[in-house]
Amino acid sequence: MVRSHKTRQVLLESRPAGSREQISEKTIAKIPMAAVLRAVAIGETRGFVKMLIDVESDRILGFTVFGMEASEMTAAVQTAMLGGLSYTVLRDAIFTHPTAAEGLGPLLATIPARALRQPA
C-alpha cells in the first residue's frame, strides 16, 4: 500500500499589514519524522516537523509538518496558537500513545527553556 504524505502549515501574522515594527528574535525547532514514535510504529518515517517560536514571548508563530498524519499534529498546534498559548504547554503535555501529536514533545524539547536563554 502506498500512502500520500501530506504537508500542513499554520502561520500566525502578529503584525498589522504594512507594519514596519521591529520583529523580535525567533527560534526554529525541527526534527525528522523518524523521531515521531507513531511514524516509526507504522513504518512511515519520511518527512519532518518544524515550528517557529518567538523567543521573547514563547508564542508559536508558525508550524509546518510534512509526513504521515500531518493534520492531527497541525490541529493540536493550531488550537494552541489560537489560544495564544506558549509552546511550553504543548511541550509539557502528555499525548495519547501512539499518535502523531505525541511527536510534539520531542520537537519542543529541542528548545532551551527561557531561563537558559537569558544572559547571566
PDB file of N, CA and C in Angstrom:
ATOM      1  N   MET A   1       0.837  -1.168   0.000  1.00  0.00           N
ATOM      2  CA  MET A   1       0.000   0.000   0.000  1.00  0.00           C
ATOM      3  C   MET A   1       0.894   1.248   0.000  1.00  0.00           C
ATOM      4  N   VAL A   2       0.567   2.206  -0.825  1.00  0.00           N
ATOM      5  CA  VAL A   2       1.304   3.453  -0.900  1.00  0.00           C
ATOM      6  C   VAL A   2       0.429   4.571  -0.346  1.00  0.00           C
ATOM      7  N   ARG A   3       0.971   5.310   0.590  1.00  0.00           N
ATOM      8  CA  ARG A   3       0.234   6.440   1.160  1.00  0.00           C
ATOM      9  C   ARG A   3       0.852   7.737   0.668  1.00  0.00           C
ATOM     10  N   SER A   4       0.014   8.702   0.469  1.00  0.00           N
ATOM     11  CA  SER A   4       0.487  10.018   0.054  1.00  0.00           C
ATOM     12  C   SER A   4       0.771  10.847   1.295  1.00  0.00           C
ATOM     13  N   HIS A   5       1.998  11.350   1.408  1.00  0.00           N
ATOM     14  CA  HIS A   5       2.324  12.207   2.545  1.00  0.00           C
ATOM     15  C   HIS A   5       1.722  13.584   2.327  1.00  0.00           C
ATOM     16  N   LYS A   6       1.257  14.155   3.383  1.00  0.00           N
ATOM     17  CA  LYS A   6       0.606  15.461   3.326  1.00  0.00           C
ATOM     18  C   LYS A   6       1.503  16.519   3.950  1.00  0.00           C
ATOM     19  N   THR A   7       1.374  17.716   3.466  1.00  0.00           N
ATOM     20  CA  THR A   7       2.050  18.857   4.065  1.00  0.00           C
ATOM     21  C   THR A   7       0.993  19.769   4.634  1.00  0.00           C
ATOM     22  N   ARG A   8       1.163  20.181   5.866  1.00  0.00           N
ATOM     23  CA  ARG A   8       0.247  21.115   6.520  1.00  0.00           C
ATOM     24  C   ARG A   8       1.077  22.240   7.107  1.00  0.00           C
ATOM     25  N   GLN A   9       0.520  23.443   7.054  1.00  0.00           N
ATOM     26  CA  GLN A   9       1.240  24.601   7.583  1.00  0.00           C
ATOM     27  C   GLN A   9       0.250  25.563   8.213  1.00  0.00           C
ATOM     28  N   VAL A  10       0.630  26.122   9.357  1.00  0.00           N
ATOM     29  CA  VAL A  10      -0.169  27.124  10.055  1.00  0.00           C
ATOM     30  C   VAL A  10       0.770  28.275  10.379  1.00  0.00           C
ATOM     31  N   LEU A  11       0.366  29.493  10.041  1.00  0.00           N
ATOM     32  CA  LEU A  11       1.175  30.671  10.336  1.00  0.00           C
ATOM     33  C   LEU A  11       0.336  31.694  11.078  1.00  0.00           C
ATOM     34  N   LEU A  12       0.968  32.424  11.979  1.00  0.00           N
ATOM     35  CA  LEU A  12       0.298  33.468  12.741  1.00  0.00           C
ATOM     36  C   LEU A  12       0.885  34.805  12.334  1.00  0.00           C
ATOM     37  N   GLU A  13       0.058  35.718  11.859  1.00  0.00           N
ATOM     38  CA  GLU A  13       0.516  37.063  11.495  1.00  0.00           C
ATOM     39  C   GLU A  13       0.274  37.949  12.704  1.00  0.00           C
ATOM     40  N   SER A  14       1.360  38.317  13.377  1.00  0.00           N
ATOM     41  CA  SER A  14       1.228  39.073  14.620  1.00  0.00           C
ATOM     42  C   SER A  14       1.322  40.583  14.422  1.00  0.00           C
ATOM     43  N   ARG A  15       1.660  41.031  13.207  1.00  0.00           N
ATOM     44  CA  ARG A  15       1.770  42.462  12.947  1.00  0.00           C
ATOM     45  C   ARG A  15       0.695  42.881  11.954  1.00  0.00           C
ATOM     46  N   PRO A  16       0.177  44.091  12.092  1.00  0.00           N
ATOM     47  CA  PRO A  16      -0.787  44.575  11.102  1.00  0.00           C
ATOM     48  C   PRO A  16      -0.134  44.650   9.727  1.00  0.00           C
ATOM     49  N   ALA A  17      -0.915  44.433   8.694  1.00  0.00           N
ATOM     50  CA  ALA A  17      -0.400  44.502   7.329  1.00  0.00           C
ATOM     51  C   ALA A  17       0.259  45.856   7.086  1.00  0.00           C
ATOM     52  N   GLY A  18       1.438  45.837   6.491  1.00  0.00           N
ATOM     53  CA  GLY A  18       2.151  47.068   6.182  1.00  0.00           C
ATOM     54  C   GLY A  18       2.962  47.618   7.345  1.00  0.00           C
ATOM     55  N   SER A  19       2.900  47.002   8.508  1.00  0.00           N
ATOM     56  CA  SER A  19       3.616  47.480   9.683  1.00  0.00           C
ATOM     57  C   SER A  19       5.114  47.303   9.494  1.00  0.00           C
ATOM     58  N   ARG A  20       5.881  48.249   9.999  1.00  0.00           N
ATOM     59  CA  ARG A  20       7.333  48.168   9.905  1.00  0.00           C
ATOM     60  C   ARG A  20       7.966  48.020  11.283  1.00  0.00           C
ATOM     61  N   GLU A  21       7.177  47.626  12.280  1.00  0.00           N
ATOM     62  CA  GLU A  21       7.733  47.476  13.616  1.00  0.00           C
ATOM     63  C   GLU A  21       8.782  46.373  13.641  1.00  0.00           C
ATOM     64  N   GLN A  22       9.709  46.463  14.596  1.00  0.00           N
ATOM     65  CA  GLN A  22      10.802  45.515  14.709  1.00  0.00           C
ATOM     66  C   GLN A  22      10.273  44.116  15.007  1.00  0.00           C
ATOM     67  N   ILE A  23      10.794  43.154  14.299  1.00  0.00           N
ATOM     68  CA  ILE A  23      10.435  41.763  14.534  1.00  0.00           C
ATOM     69  C   ILE A  23      11.350  41.237  15.633  1.00  0.00           C
ATOM     70  N   SER A  24      10.762  40.576  16.634  1.00  0.00           N
ATOM     71  CA  SER A  24      11.554  40.054  17.739  1.00  0.00           C
ATOM     72  C   SER A  24      12.338  38.815  17.315  1.00  0.00           C
ATOM     73  N   GLU A  25      13.247  38.396  18.174  1.00  0.00           N
ATOM     74  CA  GLU A  25      14.083  37.230  17.891  1.00  0.00           C
ATOM     75  C   GLU A  25      13.225  35.962  17.863  1.00  0.00           C
ATOM     76  N   LYS A  26      13.578  35.066  16.963  1.00  0.00           N
ATOM     77  CA  LYS A  26      12.825  33.828  16.799  1.00  0.00           C
ATOM     78  C   LYS A  26      13.759  32.630  16.855  1.00  0.00           C
ATOM     79  N   THR A  27      13.197  31.490  17.133  1.00  0.00           N
ATOM     80  CA  THR A  27      13.959  30.248  17.085  1.00  0.00           C
ATOM     81  C   THR A  27      13.130  29.206  16.345  1.00  0.00           C
ATOM     82  N   ILE A  28      13.824  28.261  15.737  1.00  0.00           N
ATOM     83  CA  ILE A  28      13.153  27.208  14.982  1.00  0.00           C
ATOM     84  C   ILE A  28      13.505  25.860  15.605  1.00  0.00           C
ATOM     85  N   ALA A  29      12.475  25.071  15.841  1.00  0.00           N
ATOM     86  CA  ALA A  29      12.661  23.690  16.288  1.00  0.00           C
ATOM     87  C   ALA A  29      12.346  22.800  15.092  1.00  0.00           C
ATOM     88  N   LYS A  30      13.192  21.805  14.846  1.00  0.00           N
ATOM     89  CA  LYS A  30      12.949  20.914  13.711  1.00  0.00           C
ATOM     90  C   LYS A  30      13.462  19.524  14.051  1.00  0.00           C
ATOM     91  N   ILE A  31      12.637  18.522  13.729  1.00  0.00           N
ATOM     92  CA  ILE A  31      13.047  17.130  13.896  1.00  0.00           C
ATOM     93  C   ILE A  31      12.603  16.340  12.668  1.00  0.00           C
ATOM     94  N   PRO A  32      13.290  15.244  12.380  1.00  0.00           N
ATOM     95  CA  PRO A  32      12.834  14.373  11.301  1.00  0.00           C
ATOM     96  C   PRO A  32      11.615  13.574  11.766  1.00  0.00           C
ATOM     97  N   MET A  33      10.780  13.170  10.848  1.00  0.00           N
ATOM     98  CA  MET A  33       9.602  12.374  11.193  1.00  0.00           C
ATOM     99  C   MET A  33      10.016  11.059  11.859  1.00  0.00           C
ATOM    100  N   ALA A  34      11.250  10.614  11.636  1.00  0.00           N
ATOM    101  CA  ALA A  34      11.749   9.389  12.271  1.00  0.00           C
ATOM    102  C   ALA A  34      11.825   9.521  13.789  1.00  0.00           C
ATOM    103  N   ALA A  35      11.746  10.744  14.325  1.00  0.00           N
ATOM    104  CA  ALA A  35      11.749  10.958  15.773  1.00  0.00           C
ATOM    105  C   ALA A  35      10.345  10.894  16.370  1.00  0.00           C
ATOM    106  N   VAL A  36       9.331  10.733  15.531  1.00  0.00           N
ATOM    107  CA  VAL A  36       7.939  10.642  15.977  1.00  0.00           C
ATOM    108  C   VAL A  36       7.582   9.165  16.117  1.00  0.00           C
ATOM    109  N   LEU A  37       7.259   8.745  17.337  1.00  0.00           N
ATOM    110  CA  LEU A  37       7.036   7.323  17.598  1.00  0.00           C
ATOM    111  C   LEU A  37       5.944   6.706  16.726  1.00  0.00           C
ATOM    112  N   ARG A  38       4.874   7.444  16.460  1.00  0.00           N
ATOM    113  CA  ARG A  38       3.793   6.925  15.617  1.00  0.00           C
ATOM    114  C   ARG A  38       4.306   6.633  14.206  1.00  0.00           C
ATOM    115  N   ALA A  39       5.140   7.508  13.683  1.00  0.00           N
ATOM    116  CA  ALA A  39       5.710   7.311  12.349  1.00  0.00           C
ATOM    117  C   ALA A  39       6.563   6.052  12.315  1.00  0.00           C
ATOM    118  N   VAL A  40       7.337   5.831  13.359  1.00  0.00           N
ATOM    119  CA  VAL A  40       8.171   4.629  13.447  1.00  0.00           C
ATOM    120  C   VAL A  40       7.283   3.389  13.550  1.00  0.00           C
ATOM    121  N   ALA A  41       6.227   3.483  14.361  1.00  0.00           N
ATOM    122  CA  ALA A  41       5.341   2.337  14.582  1.00  0.00           C
ATOM    123  C   ALA A  41       4.673   1.859  13.296  1.00  0.00           C
ATOM    124  N   ILE A  42       4.337   2.791  12.406  1.00  0.00           N
ATOM    125  CA  ILE A  42       3.664   2.385  11.165  1.00  0.00           C
ATOM    126  C   ILE A  42       4.619   2.341   9.965  1.00  0.00           C
ATOM    127  N   GLY A  43       5.900   2.598  10.224  1.00  0.00           N
ATOM    128  CA  GLY A  43       6.903   2.475   9.174  1.00  0.00           C
ATOM    129  C   GLY A  43       6.878   3.577   8.130  1.00  0.00           C
ATOM    130  N   GLU A  44       6.401   4.755   8.514  1.00  0.00           N
ATOM    131  CA  GLU A  44       6.357   5.895   7.577  1.00  0.00           C
ATOM    132  C   GLU A  44       7.146   7.064   8.152  1.00  0.00           C
ATOM    133  N   THR A  45       8.451   6.953   8.092  1.00  0.00           N
ATOM    134  CA  THR A  45       9.326   7.929   8.745  1.00  0.00           C
ATOM    135  C   THR A  45       9.833   9.029   7.820  1.00  0.00           C
ATOM    136  N   ARG A  46       9.325   9.086   6.609  1.00  0.00           N
ATOM    137  CA  ARG A  46       9.761  10.139   5.692  1.00  0.00           C
ATOM    138  C   ARG A  46       9.092  11.457   6.071  1.00  0.00           C
ATOM    139  N   GLY A  47       9.866  12.542   6.128  1.00  0.00           N
ATOM    140  CA  GLY A  47       9.305  13.860   6.396  1.00  0.00           C
ATOM    141  C   GLY A  47       9.963  14.558   7.572  1.00  0.00           C
ATOM    142  N   PHE A  48       9.339  15.650   8.009  1.00  0.00           N
ATOM    143  CA  PHE A  48       9.881  16.451   9.100  1.00  0.00           C
ATOM    144  C   PHE A  48       8.753  17.227   9.782  1.00  0.00           C
ATOM    145  N   VAL A  49       9.086  17.764  10.958  1.00  0.00           N
ATOM    146  CA  VAL A  49       8.190  18.626  11.726  1.00  0.00           C
ATOM    147  C   VAL A  49       9.008  19.854  12.118  1.00  0.00           C
ATOM    148  N   LYS A  50       8.429  21.044  11.935  1.00  0.00           N
ATOM    149  CA  LYS A  50       9.165  22.278  12.206  1.00  0.00           C
ATOM    150  C   LYS A  50       8.230  23.308  12.839  1.00  0.00           C
ATOM    151  N   MET A  51       8.735  24.050  13.839  1.00  0.00           N
ATOM    152  CA  MET A  51       7.942  25.084  14.495  1.00  0.00           C
ATOM    153  C   MET A  51       8.775  26.355  14.667  1.00  0.00           C
ATOM    154  N   LEU A  52       8.141  27.512  14.410  1.00  0.00           N
ATOM    155  CA  LEU A  52       8.757  28.818  14.594  1.00  0.00           C
ATOM    156  C   LEU A  52       8.205  29.426  15.872  1.00  0.00           C
ATOM    157  N   ILE A  53       9.109  29.855  16.768  1.00  0.00           N
ATOM    158  CA  ILE A  53       8.709  30.353  18.086  1.00  0.00           C
ATOM    159  C   ILE A  53       9.333  31.709  18.353  1.00  0.00           C
ATOM    160  N   ASP A  54       8.534  32.621  18.912  1.00  0.00           N
ATOM    161  CA  ASP A  54       9.017  33.929  19.343  1.00  0.00           C
ATOM    162  C   ASP A  54       9.783  33.736  20.653  1.00  0.00           C
ATOM    163  N   VAL A  55      11.051  34.113  20.688  1.00  0.00           N
ATOM    164  CA  VAL A  55      11.906  33.882  21.846  1.00  0.00           C
ATOM    165  C   VAL A  55      11.451  34.695  23.063  1.00  0.00           C
ATOM    166  N   GLU A  56      10.989  35.902  22.849  1.00  0.00           N
ATOM    167  CA  GLU A  56      10.607  36.762  23.971  1.00  0.00           C
ATOM    168  C   GLU A  56       9.327  36.305  24.661  1.00  0.00           C
ATOM    169  N   SER A  57       8.348  35.877  23.887  1.00  0.00           N
ATOM    170  CA  SER A  57       7.044  35.527  24.468  1.00  0.00           C
ATOM    171  C   SER A  57       6.791  34.023  24.544  1.00  0.00           C
ATOM    172  N   ASP A  58       7.617  33.224  23.884  1.00  0.00           N
ATOM    173  CA  ASP A  58       7.431  31.768  23.778  1.00  0.00           C
ATOM    174  C   ASP A  58       6.179  31.387  22.987  1.00  0.00           C
ATOM    175  N   ARG A  59       5.590  32.335  22.257  1.00  0.00           N
ATOM    176  CA  ARG A  59       4.408  32.037  21.438  1.00  0.00           C
ATOM    177  C   ARG A  59       4.810  31.316  20.161  1.00  0.00           C
ATOM    178  N   ILE A  60       3.923  30.474  19.700  1.00  0.00           N
ATOM    179  CA  ILE A  60       4.123  29.742  18.449  1.00  0.00           C
ATOM    180  C   ILE A  60       3.697  30.654  17.302  1.00  0.00           C
ATOM    181  N   LEU A  61       4.595  30.910  16.380  1.00  0.00           N
ATOM    182  CA  LEU A  61       4.302  31.796  15.253  1.00  0.00           C
ATOM    183  C   LEU A  61       4.014  31.028  13.969  1.00  0.00           C
ATOM    184  N   GLY A  62       4.538  29.825  13.859  1.00  0.00           N
ATOM    185  CA  GLY A  62       4.312  29.045  12.657  1.00  0.00           C
ATOM    186  C   GLY A  62       4.628  27.585  12.889  1.00  0.00           C
ATOM    187  N   PHE A  63       4.045  26.740  12.043  1.00  0.00           N
ATOM    188  CA  PHE A  63       4.222  25.297  12.182  1.00  0.00           C
ATOM    189  C   PHE A  63       4.088  24.650  10.820  1.00  0.00           C
ATOM    190  N   THR A  64       5.005  23.758  10.503  1.00  0.00           N
ATOM    191  CA  THR A  64       4.946  23.014   9.251  1.00  0.00           C
ATOM    192  C   THR A  64       5.241  21.550   9.556  1.00  0.00           C
ATOM    193  N   VAL A  65       4.470  20.677   8.945  1.00  0.00           N
ATOM    194  CA  VAL A  65       4.739  19.248   9.061  1.00  0.00           C
ATOM    195  C   VAL A  65       4.563  18.620   7.689  1.00  0.00           C
ATOM    196  N   PHE A  66       5.531  17.792   7.327  1.00  0.00           N
ATOM    197  CA  PHE A  66       5.440  17.013   6.102  1.00  0.00           C
ATOM    198  C   PHE A  66       5.605  15.562   6.508  1.00  0.00           C
ATOM    199  N   GLY A  67       4.550  14.799   6.368  1.00  0.00           N
ATOM    200  CA  GLY A  67       4.632  13.403   6.737  1.00  0.00           C
ATOM    201  C   GLY A  67       3.273  12.827   7.058  1.00  0.00           C
ATOM    202  N   MET A  68       3.300  11.624   7.578  1.00  0.00           N
ATOM    203  CA  MET A  68       2.066  10.904   7.870  1.00  0.00           C
ATOM    204  C   MET A  68       1.256  11.633   8.945  1.00  0.00           C
ATOM    205  N   GLU A  69      -0.046  11.538   8.828  1.00  0.00           N
ATOM    206  CA  GLU A  69      -0.985  12.096   9.806  1.00  0.00           C
ATOM    207  C   GLU A  69      -0.675  13.561  10.162  1.00  0.00           C
ATOM    208  N   ALA A  70      -0.290  14.340   9.166  1.00  0.00           N
ATOM    209  CA  ALA A  70       0.078  15.741   9.370  1.00  0.00           C
ATOM    210  C   ALA A  70      -1.064  16.555   9.967  1.00  0.00           C
ATOM    211  N   SER A  71      -2.284  16.248   9.558  1.00  0.00           N
ATOM    212  CA  SER A  71      -3.422  17.046  10.035  1.00  0.00           C
ATOM    213  C   SER A  71      -3.654  16.881  11.527  1.00  0.00           C
ATOM    214  N   GLU A  72      -3.331  15.724  12.086  1.00  0.00           N
ATOM    215  CA  GLU A  72      -3.517  15.510  13.525  1.00  0.00           C
ATOM    216  C   GLU A  72      -2.631  16.450  14.345  1.00  0.00           C
ATOM    217  N   MET A  73      -1.351  16.508  13.986  1.00  0.00           N
ATOM    218  CA  MET A  73      -0.428  17.385  14.692  1.00  0.00           C
ATOM    219  C   MET A  73      -0.798  18.847  14.488  1.00  0.00           C
ATOM    220  N   THR A  74      -1.164  19.181  13.259  1.00  0.00           N
ATOM    221  CA  THR A  74      -1.500  20.562  12.921  1.00  0.00           C
ATOM    222  C   THR A  74      -2.698  21.056  13.729  1.00  0.00           C
ATOM    223  N   ALA A  75      -3.691  20.213  13.925  1.00  0.00           N
ATOM    224  CA  ALA A  75      -4.872  20.610  14.693  1.00  0.00           C
ATOM    225  C   ALA A  75      -4.500  20.974  16.130  1.00  0.00           C
ATOM    226  N   ALA A  76      -3.623  20.197  16.745  1.00  0.00           N
ATOM    227  CA  ALA A  76      -3.199  20.485  18.119  1.00  0.00           C
ATOM    228  C   ALA A  76      -2.447  21.814  18.194  1.00  0.00           C
ATOM    229  N   VAL A  77      -1.545  22.031  17.241  1.00  0.00           N
ATOM    230  CA  VAL A  77      -0.747  23.263  17.246  1.00  0.00           C
ATOM    231  C   VAL A  77      -1.623  24.480  16.931  1.00  0.00           C
ATOM    232  N   GLN A  78      -2.518  24.338  15.973  1.00  0.00           N
ATOM    233  CA  GLN A  78      -3.389  25.456  15.618  1.00  0.00           C
ATOM    234  C   GLN A  78      -4.262  25.871  16.807  1.00  0.00           C
ATOM    235  N   THR A  79      -4.754  24.919  17.559  1.00  0.00           N
ATOM    236  CA  THR A  79      -5.557  25.223  18.738  1.00  0.00           C
ATOM    237  C   THR A  79      -4.730  26.012  19.756  1.00  0.00           C
ATOM    238  N   ALA A  80      -3.491  25.596  19.960  1.00  0.00           N
ATOM    239  CA  ALA A  80      -2.607  26.320  20.884  1.00  0.00           C
ATOM    240  C   ALA A  80      -2.330  27.733  20.384  1.00  0.00           C
ATOM    241  N   MET A  81      -2.124  27.877  19.078  1.00  0.00           N
ATOM    242  CA  MET A  81      -1.865  29.199  18.507  1.00  0.00           C
ATOM    243  C   MET A  81      -3.073  30.114  18.658  1.00  0.00           C
ATOM    244  N   LEU A  82      -4.253  29.596  18.382  1.00  0.00           N
ATOM    245  CA  LEU A  82      -5.469  30.405  18.505  1.00  0.00           C
ATOM    246  C   LEU A  82      -5.709  30.833  19.946  1.00  0.00           C
ATOM    247  N   GLY A  83      -5.306  29.989  20.881  1.00  0.00           N
ATOM    248  CA  GLY A  83      -5.463  30.313  22.297  1.00  0.00           C
ATOM    249  C   GLY A  83      -4.340  31.182  22.838  1.00  0.00           C
ATOM    250  N   GLY A  84      -3.347  31.506  22.004  1.00  0.00           N
ATOM    251  CA  GLY A  84      -2.226  32.342  22.448  1.00  0.00           C
ATOM    252  C   GLY A  84      -1.343  31.652  23.475  1.00  0.00           C
ATOM    253  N   LEU A  85      -1.324  30.321  23.446  1.00  0.00           N
ATOM    254  CA  LEU A  85      -0.552  29.570  24.435  1.00  0.00           C
ATOM    255  C   LEU A  85       0.932  29.543  24.097  1.00  0.00           C
ATOM    256  N   SER A  86       1.735  29.404  25.121  1.00  0.00           N
ATOM    257  CA  SER A  86       3.166  29.224  24.964  1.00  0.00           C
ATOM    258  C   SER A  86       3.436  27.832  24.401  1.00  0.00           C
ATOM    259  N   TYR A  87       4.542  27.694  23.681  1.00  0.00           N
ATOM    260  CA  TYR A  87       4.928  26.375  23.165  1.00  0.00           C
ATOM    261  C   TYR A  87       5.137  25.389  24.309  1.00  0.00           C
ATOM    262  N   THR A  88       5.442  25.900  25.508  1.00  0.00           N
ATOM    263  CA  THR A  88       5.718  25.021  26.646  1.00  0.00           C
ATOM    264  C   THR A  88       4.486  24.216  27.064  1.00  0.00           C
ATOM    265  N   VAL A  89       3.304  24.724  26.766  1.00  0.00           N
ATOM    266  CA  VAL A  89       2.084  23.973  27.077  1.00  0.00           C
ATOM    267  C   VAL A  89       2.064  22.674  26.282  1.00  0.00           C
ATOM    268  N   LEU A  90       2.396  22.750  25.002  1.00  0.00           N
ATOM    269  CA  LEU A  90       2.462  21.547  24.169  1.00  0.00           C
ATOM    270  C   LEU A  90       3.658  20.678  24.552  1.00  0.00           C
ATOM    271  N   ARG A  91       4.774  21.312  24.862  1.00  0.00           N
ATOM    272  CA  ARG A  91       5.981  20.564  25.234  1.00  0.00           C
ATOM    273  C   ARG A  91       5.731  19.693  26.469  1.00  0.00           C
ATOM    274  N   ASP A  92       4.989  20.248  27.434  1.00  0.00           N
ATOM    275  CA  ASP A  92       4.777  19.566  28.707  1.00  0.00           C
ATOM    276  C   ASP A  92       3.526  18.681  28.733  1.00  0.00           C
ATOM    277  N   ALA A  93       2.745  18.715  27.665  1.00  0.00           N
ATOM    278  CA  ALA A  93       1.510  17.924  27.616  1.00  0.00           C
ATOM    279  C   ALA A  93       1.824  16.438  27.463  1.00  0.00           C
ATOM    280  N   ILE A  94       0.911  15.623  27.940  1.00  0.00           N
ATOM    281  CA  ILE A  94       1.021  14.179  27.756  1.00  0.00           C
ATOM    282  C   ILE A  94      -0.012  13.789  26.713  1.00  0.00           C
ATOM    283  N   PHE A  95       0.456  13.369  25.547  1.00  0.00           N
ATOM    284  CA  PHE A  95      -0.427  12.995  24.451  1.00  0.00           C
ATOM    285  C   PHE A  95      -0.635  11.482  24.444  1.00  0.00           C
ATOM    286  N   THR A  96      -1.746  11.059  23.908  1.00  0.00           N
ATOM    287  CA  THR A  96      -2.058   9.644  23.776  1.00  0.00           C
ATOM    288  C   THR A  96      -0.986   8.950  22.943  1.00  0.00           C
ATOM    289  N   HIS A  97      -0.633   7.736  23.346  1.00  0.00           N
ATOM    290  CA  HIS A  97       0.368   6.954  22.623  1.00  0.00           C
ATOM    291  C   HIS A  97      -0.303   5.777  21.938  1.00  0.00           C
ATOM    292  N   PRO A  98       0.001   5.463  20.730  1.00  0.00           N
ATOM    293  CA  PRO A  98       0.873   6.193  19.805  1.00  0.00           C
ATOM    294  C   PRO A  98       0.047   7.084  18.882  1.00  0.00           C
ATOM    295  N   THR A  99       0.300   8.357  18.904  1.00  0.00           N
ATOM    296  CA  THR A  99      -0.331   9.301  17.977  1.00  0.00           C
ATOM    297  C   THR A  99       0.746  10.202  17.396  1.00  0.00           C
ATOM    298  N   ALA A 100       0.431  10.835  16.286  1.00  0.00           N
ATOM    299  CA  ALA A 100       1.383  11.767  15.671  1.00  0.00           C
ATOM    300  C   ALA A 100       1.615  12.970  16.588  1.00  0.00           C
ATOM    301  N   ALA A 101       0.565  13.422  17.276  1.00  0.00           N
ATOM    302  CA  ALA A 101       0.689  14.588  18.160  1.00  0.00           C
ATOM    303  C   ALA A 101       1.711  14.360  19.266  1.00  0.00           C
ATOM    304  N   GLU A 102       1.931  13.123  19.618  1.00  0.00           N
ATOM    305  CA  GLU A 102       2.922  12.777  20.629  1.00  0.00           C
ATOM    306  C   GLU A 102       4.323  13.254  20.204  1.00  0.00           C
ATOM    307  N   GLY A 103       4.533  13.438  18.908  1.00  0.00           N
ATOM    308  CA  GLY A 103       5.812  13.907  18.395  1.00  0.00           C
ATOM    309  C   GLY A 103       6.115  15.359  18.728  1.00  0.00           C
ATOM    310  N   LEU A 104       5.117  16.090  19.215  1.00  0.00           N
ATOM    311  CA  LEU A 104       5.367  17.487  19.592  1.00  0.00           C
ATOM    312  C   LEU A 104       6.315  17.581  20.791  1.00  0.00           C
ATOM    313  N   GLY A 105       6.280  16.597  21.668  1.00  0.00           N
ATOM    314  CA  GLY A 105       7.184  16.587  22.827  1.00  0.00           C
ATOM    315  C   GLY A 105       8.643  16.588  22.419  1.00  0.00           C
ATOM    316  N   PRO A 106       9.082  15.609  21.611  1.00  0.00           N
ATOM    317  CA  PRO A 106      10.481  15.599  21.169  1.00  0.00           C
ATOM    318  C   PRO A 106      10.859  16.845  20.352  1.00  0.00           C
ATOM    319  N   LEU A 107       9.926  17.343  19.547  1.00  0.00           N
ATOM    320  CA  LEU A 107      10.196  18.552  18.767  1.00  0.00           C
ATOM    321  C   LEU A 107      10.504  19.724  19.692  1.00  0.00           C
ATOM    322  N   LEU A 108       9.657  19.950  20.669  1.00  0.00           N
ATOM    323  CA  LEU A 108       9.780  21.128  21.528  1.00  0.00           C
ATOM    324  C   LEU A 108      10.814  20.962  22.631  1.00  0.00           C
ATOM    325  N   ALA A 109      11.233  19.739  22.893  1.00  0.00           N
ATOM    326  CA  ALA A 109      12.302  19.509  23.868  1.00  0.00           C
ATOM    327  C   ALA A 109      13.643  20.017  23.339  1.00  0.00           C
ATOM    328  N   THR A 110      13.725  20.289  22.043  1.00  0.00           N
ATOM    329  CA  THR A 110      14.978  20.791  21.461  1.00  0.00           C
ATOM    330  C   THR A 110      15.192  22.274  21.728  1.00  0.00           C
ATOM    331  N   ILE A 111      14.178  22.961  22.269  1.00  0.00           N
ATOM    332  CA  ILE A 111      14.278  24.399  22.533  1.00  0.00           C
ATOM    333  C   ILE A 111      14.678  24.616  23.983  1.00  0.00           C
ATOM    334  N   PRO A 112      15.753  25.367  24.245  1.00  0.00           N
ATOM    335  CA  PRO A 112      16.143  25.620  25.623  1.00  0.00           C
ATOM    336  C   PRO A 112      15.082  26.429  26.361  1.00  0.00           C
ATOM    337  N   ALA A 113      14.913  26.169  27.633  1.00  0.00           N
ATOM    338  CA  ALA A 113      13.972  26.916  28.465  1.00  0.00           C
ATOM    339  C   ALA A 113      14.361  28.387  28.476  1.00  0.00           C
ATOM    340  N   ARG A 114      13.388  29.265  28.675  1.00  0.00           N
ATOM    341  CA  ARG A 114      13.640  30.703  28.672  1.00  0.00           C
ATOM    342  C   ARG A 114      14.737  31.086  29.666  1.00  0.00           C
ATOM    343  N   ALA A 115      14.732  30.477  30.839  1.00  0.00           N
ATOM    344  CA  ALA A 115      15.738  30.796  31.862  1.00  0.00           C
ATOM    345  C   ALA A 115      17.137  30.508  31.352  1.00  0.00           C
ATOM    346  N   LEU A 116      17.293  29.498  30.512  1.00  0.00           N
ATOM    347  CA  LEU A 116      18.609  29.156  29.969  1.00  0.00           C
ATOM    348  C   LEU A 116      19.025  30.075  28.834  1.00  0.00           C
ATOM    349  N   ARG A 117      18.050  30.748  28.206  1.00  0.00           N
ATOM    350  CA  ARG A 117      18.344  31.629  27.073  1.00  0.00           C
ATOM    351  C   ARG A 117      18.730  33.026  27.537  1.00  0.00           C
ATOM    352  N   GLN A 118      18.400  33.384  28.779  1.00  0.00           N
ATOM    353  CA  GLN A 118      18.663  34.739  29.250  1.00  0.00           C
ATOM    354  C   GLN A 118      20.109  34.866  29.727  1.00  0.00           C
ATOM    355  N   PRO A 119      20.750  36.007  29.433  1.00  0.00           N
ATOM    356  CA  PRO A 119      22.134  36.194  29.867  1.00  0.00           C
ATOM    357  C   PRO A 119      22.217  36.282  31.382  1.00  0.00           C
ATOM    358  N   ALA A 120      23.324  35.818  31.921  1.00  0.00           N
ATOM    359  CA  ALA A 120      23.525  35.815  33.383  1.00  0.00           C
ATOM    360  C   ALA A 120      23.794  37.191  33.917  1.00  0.00           C
TER     361      ALA A 120
END
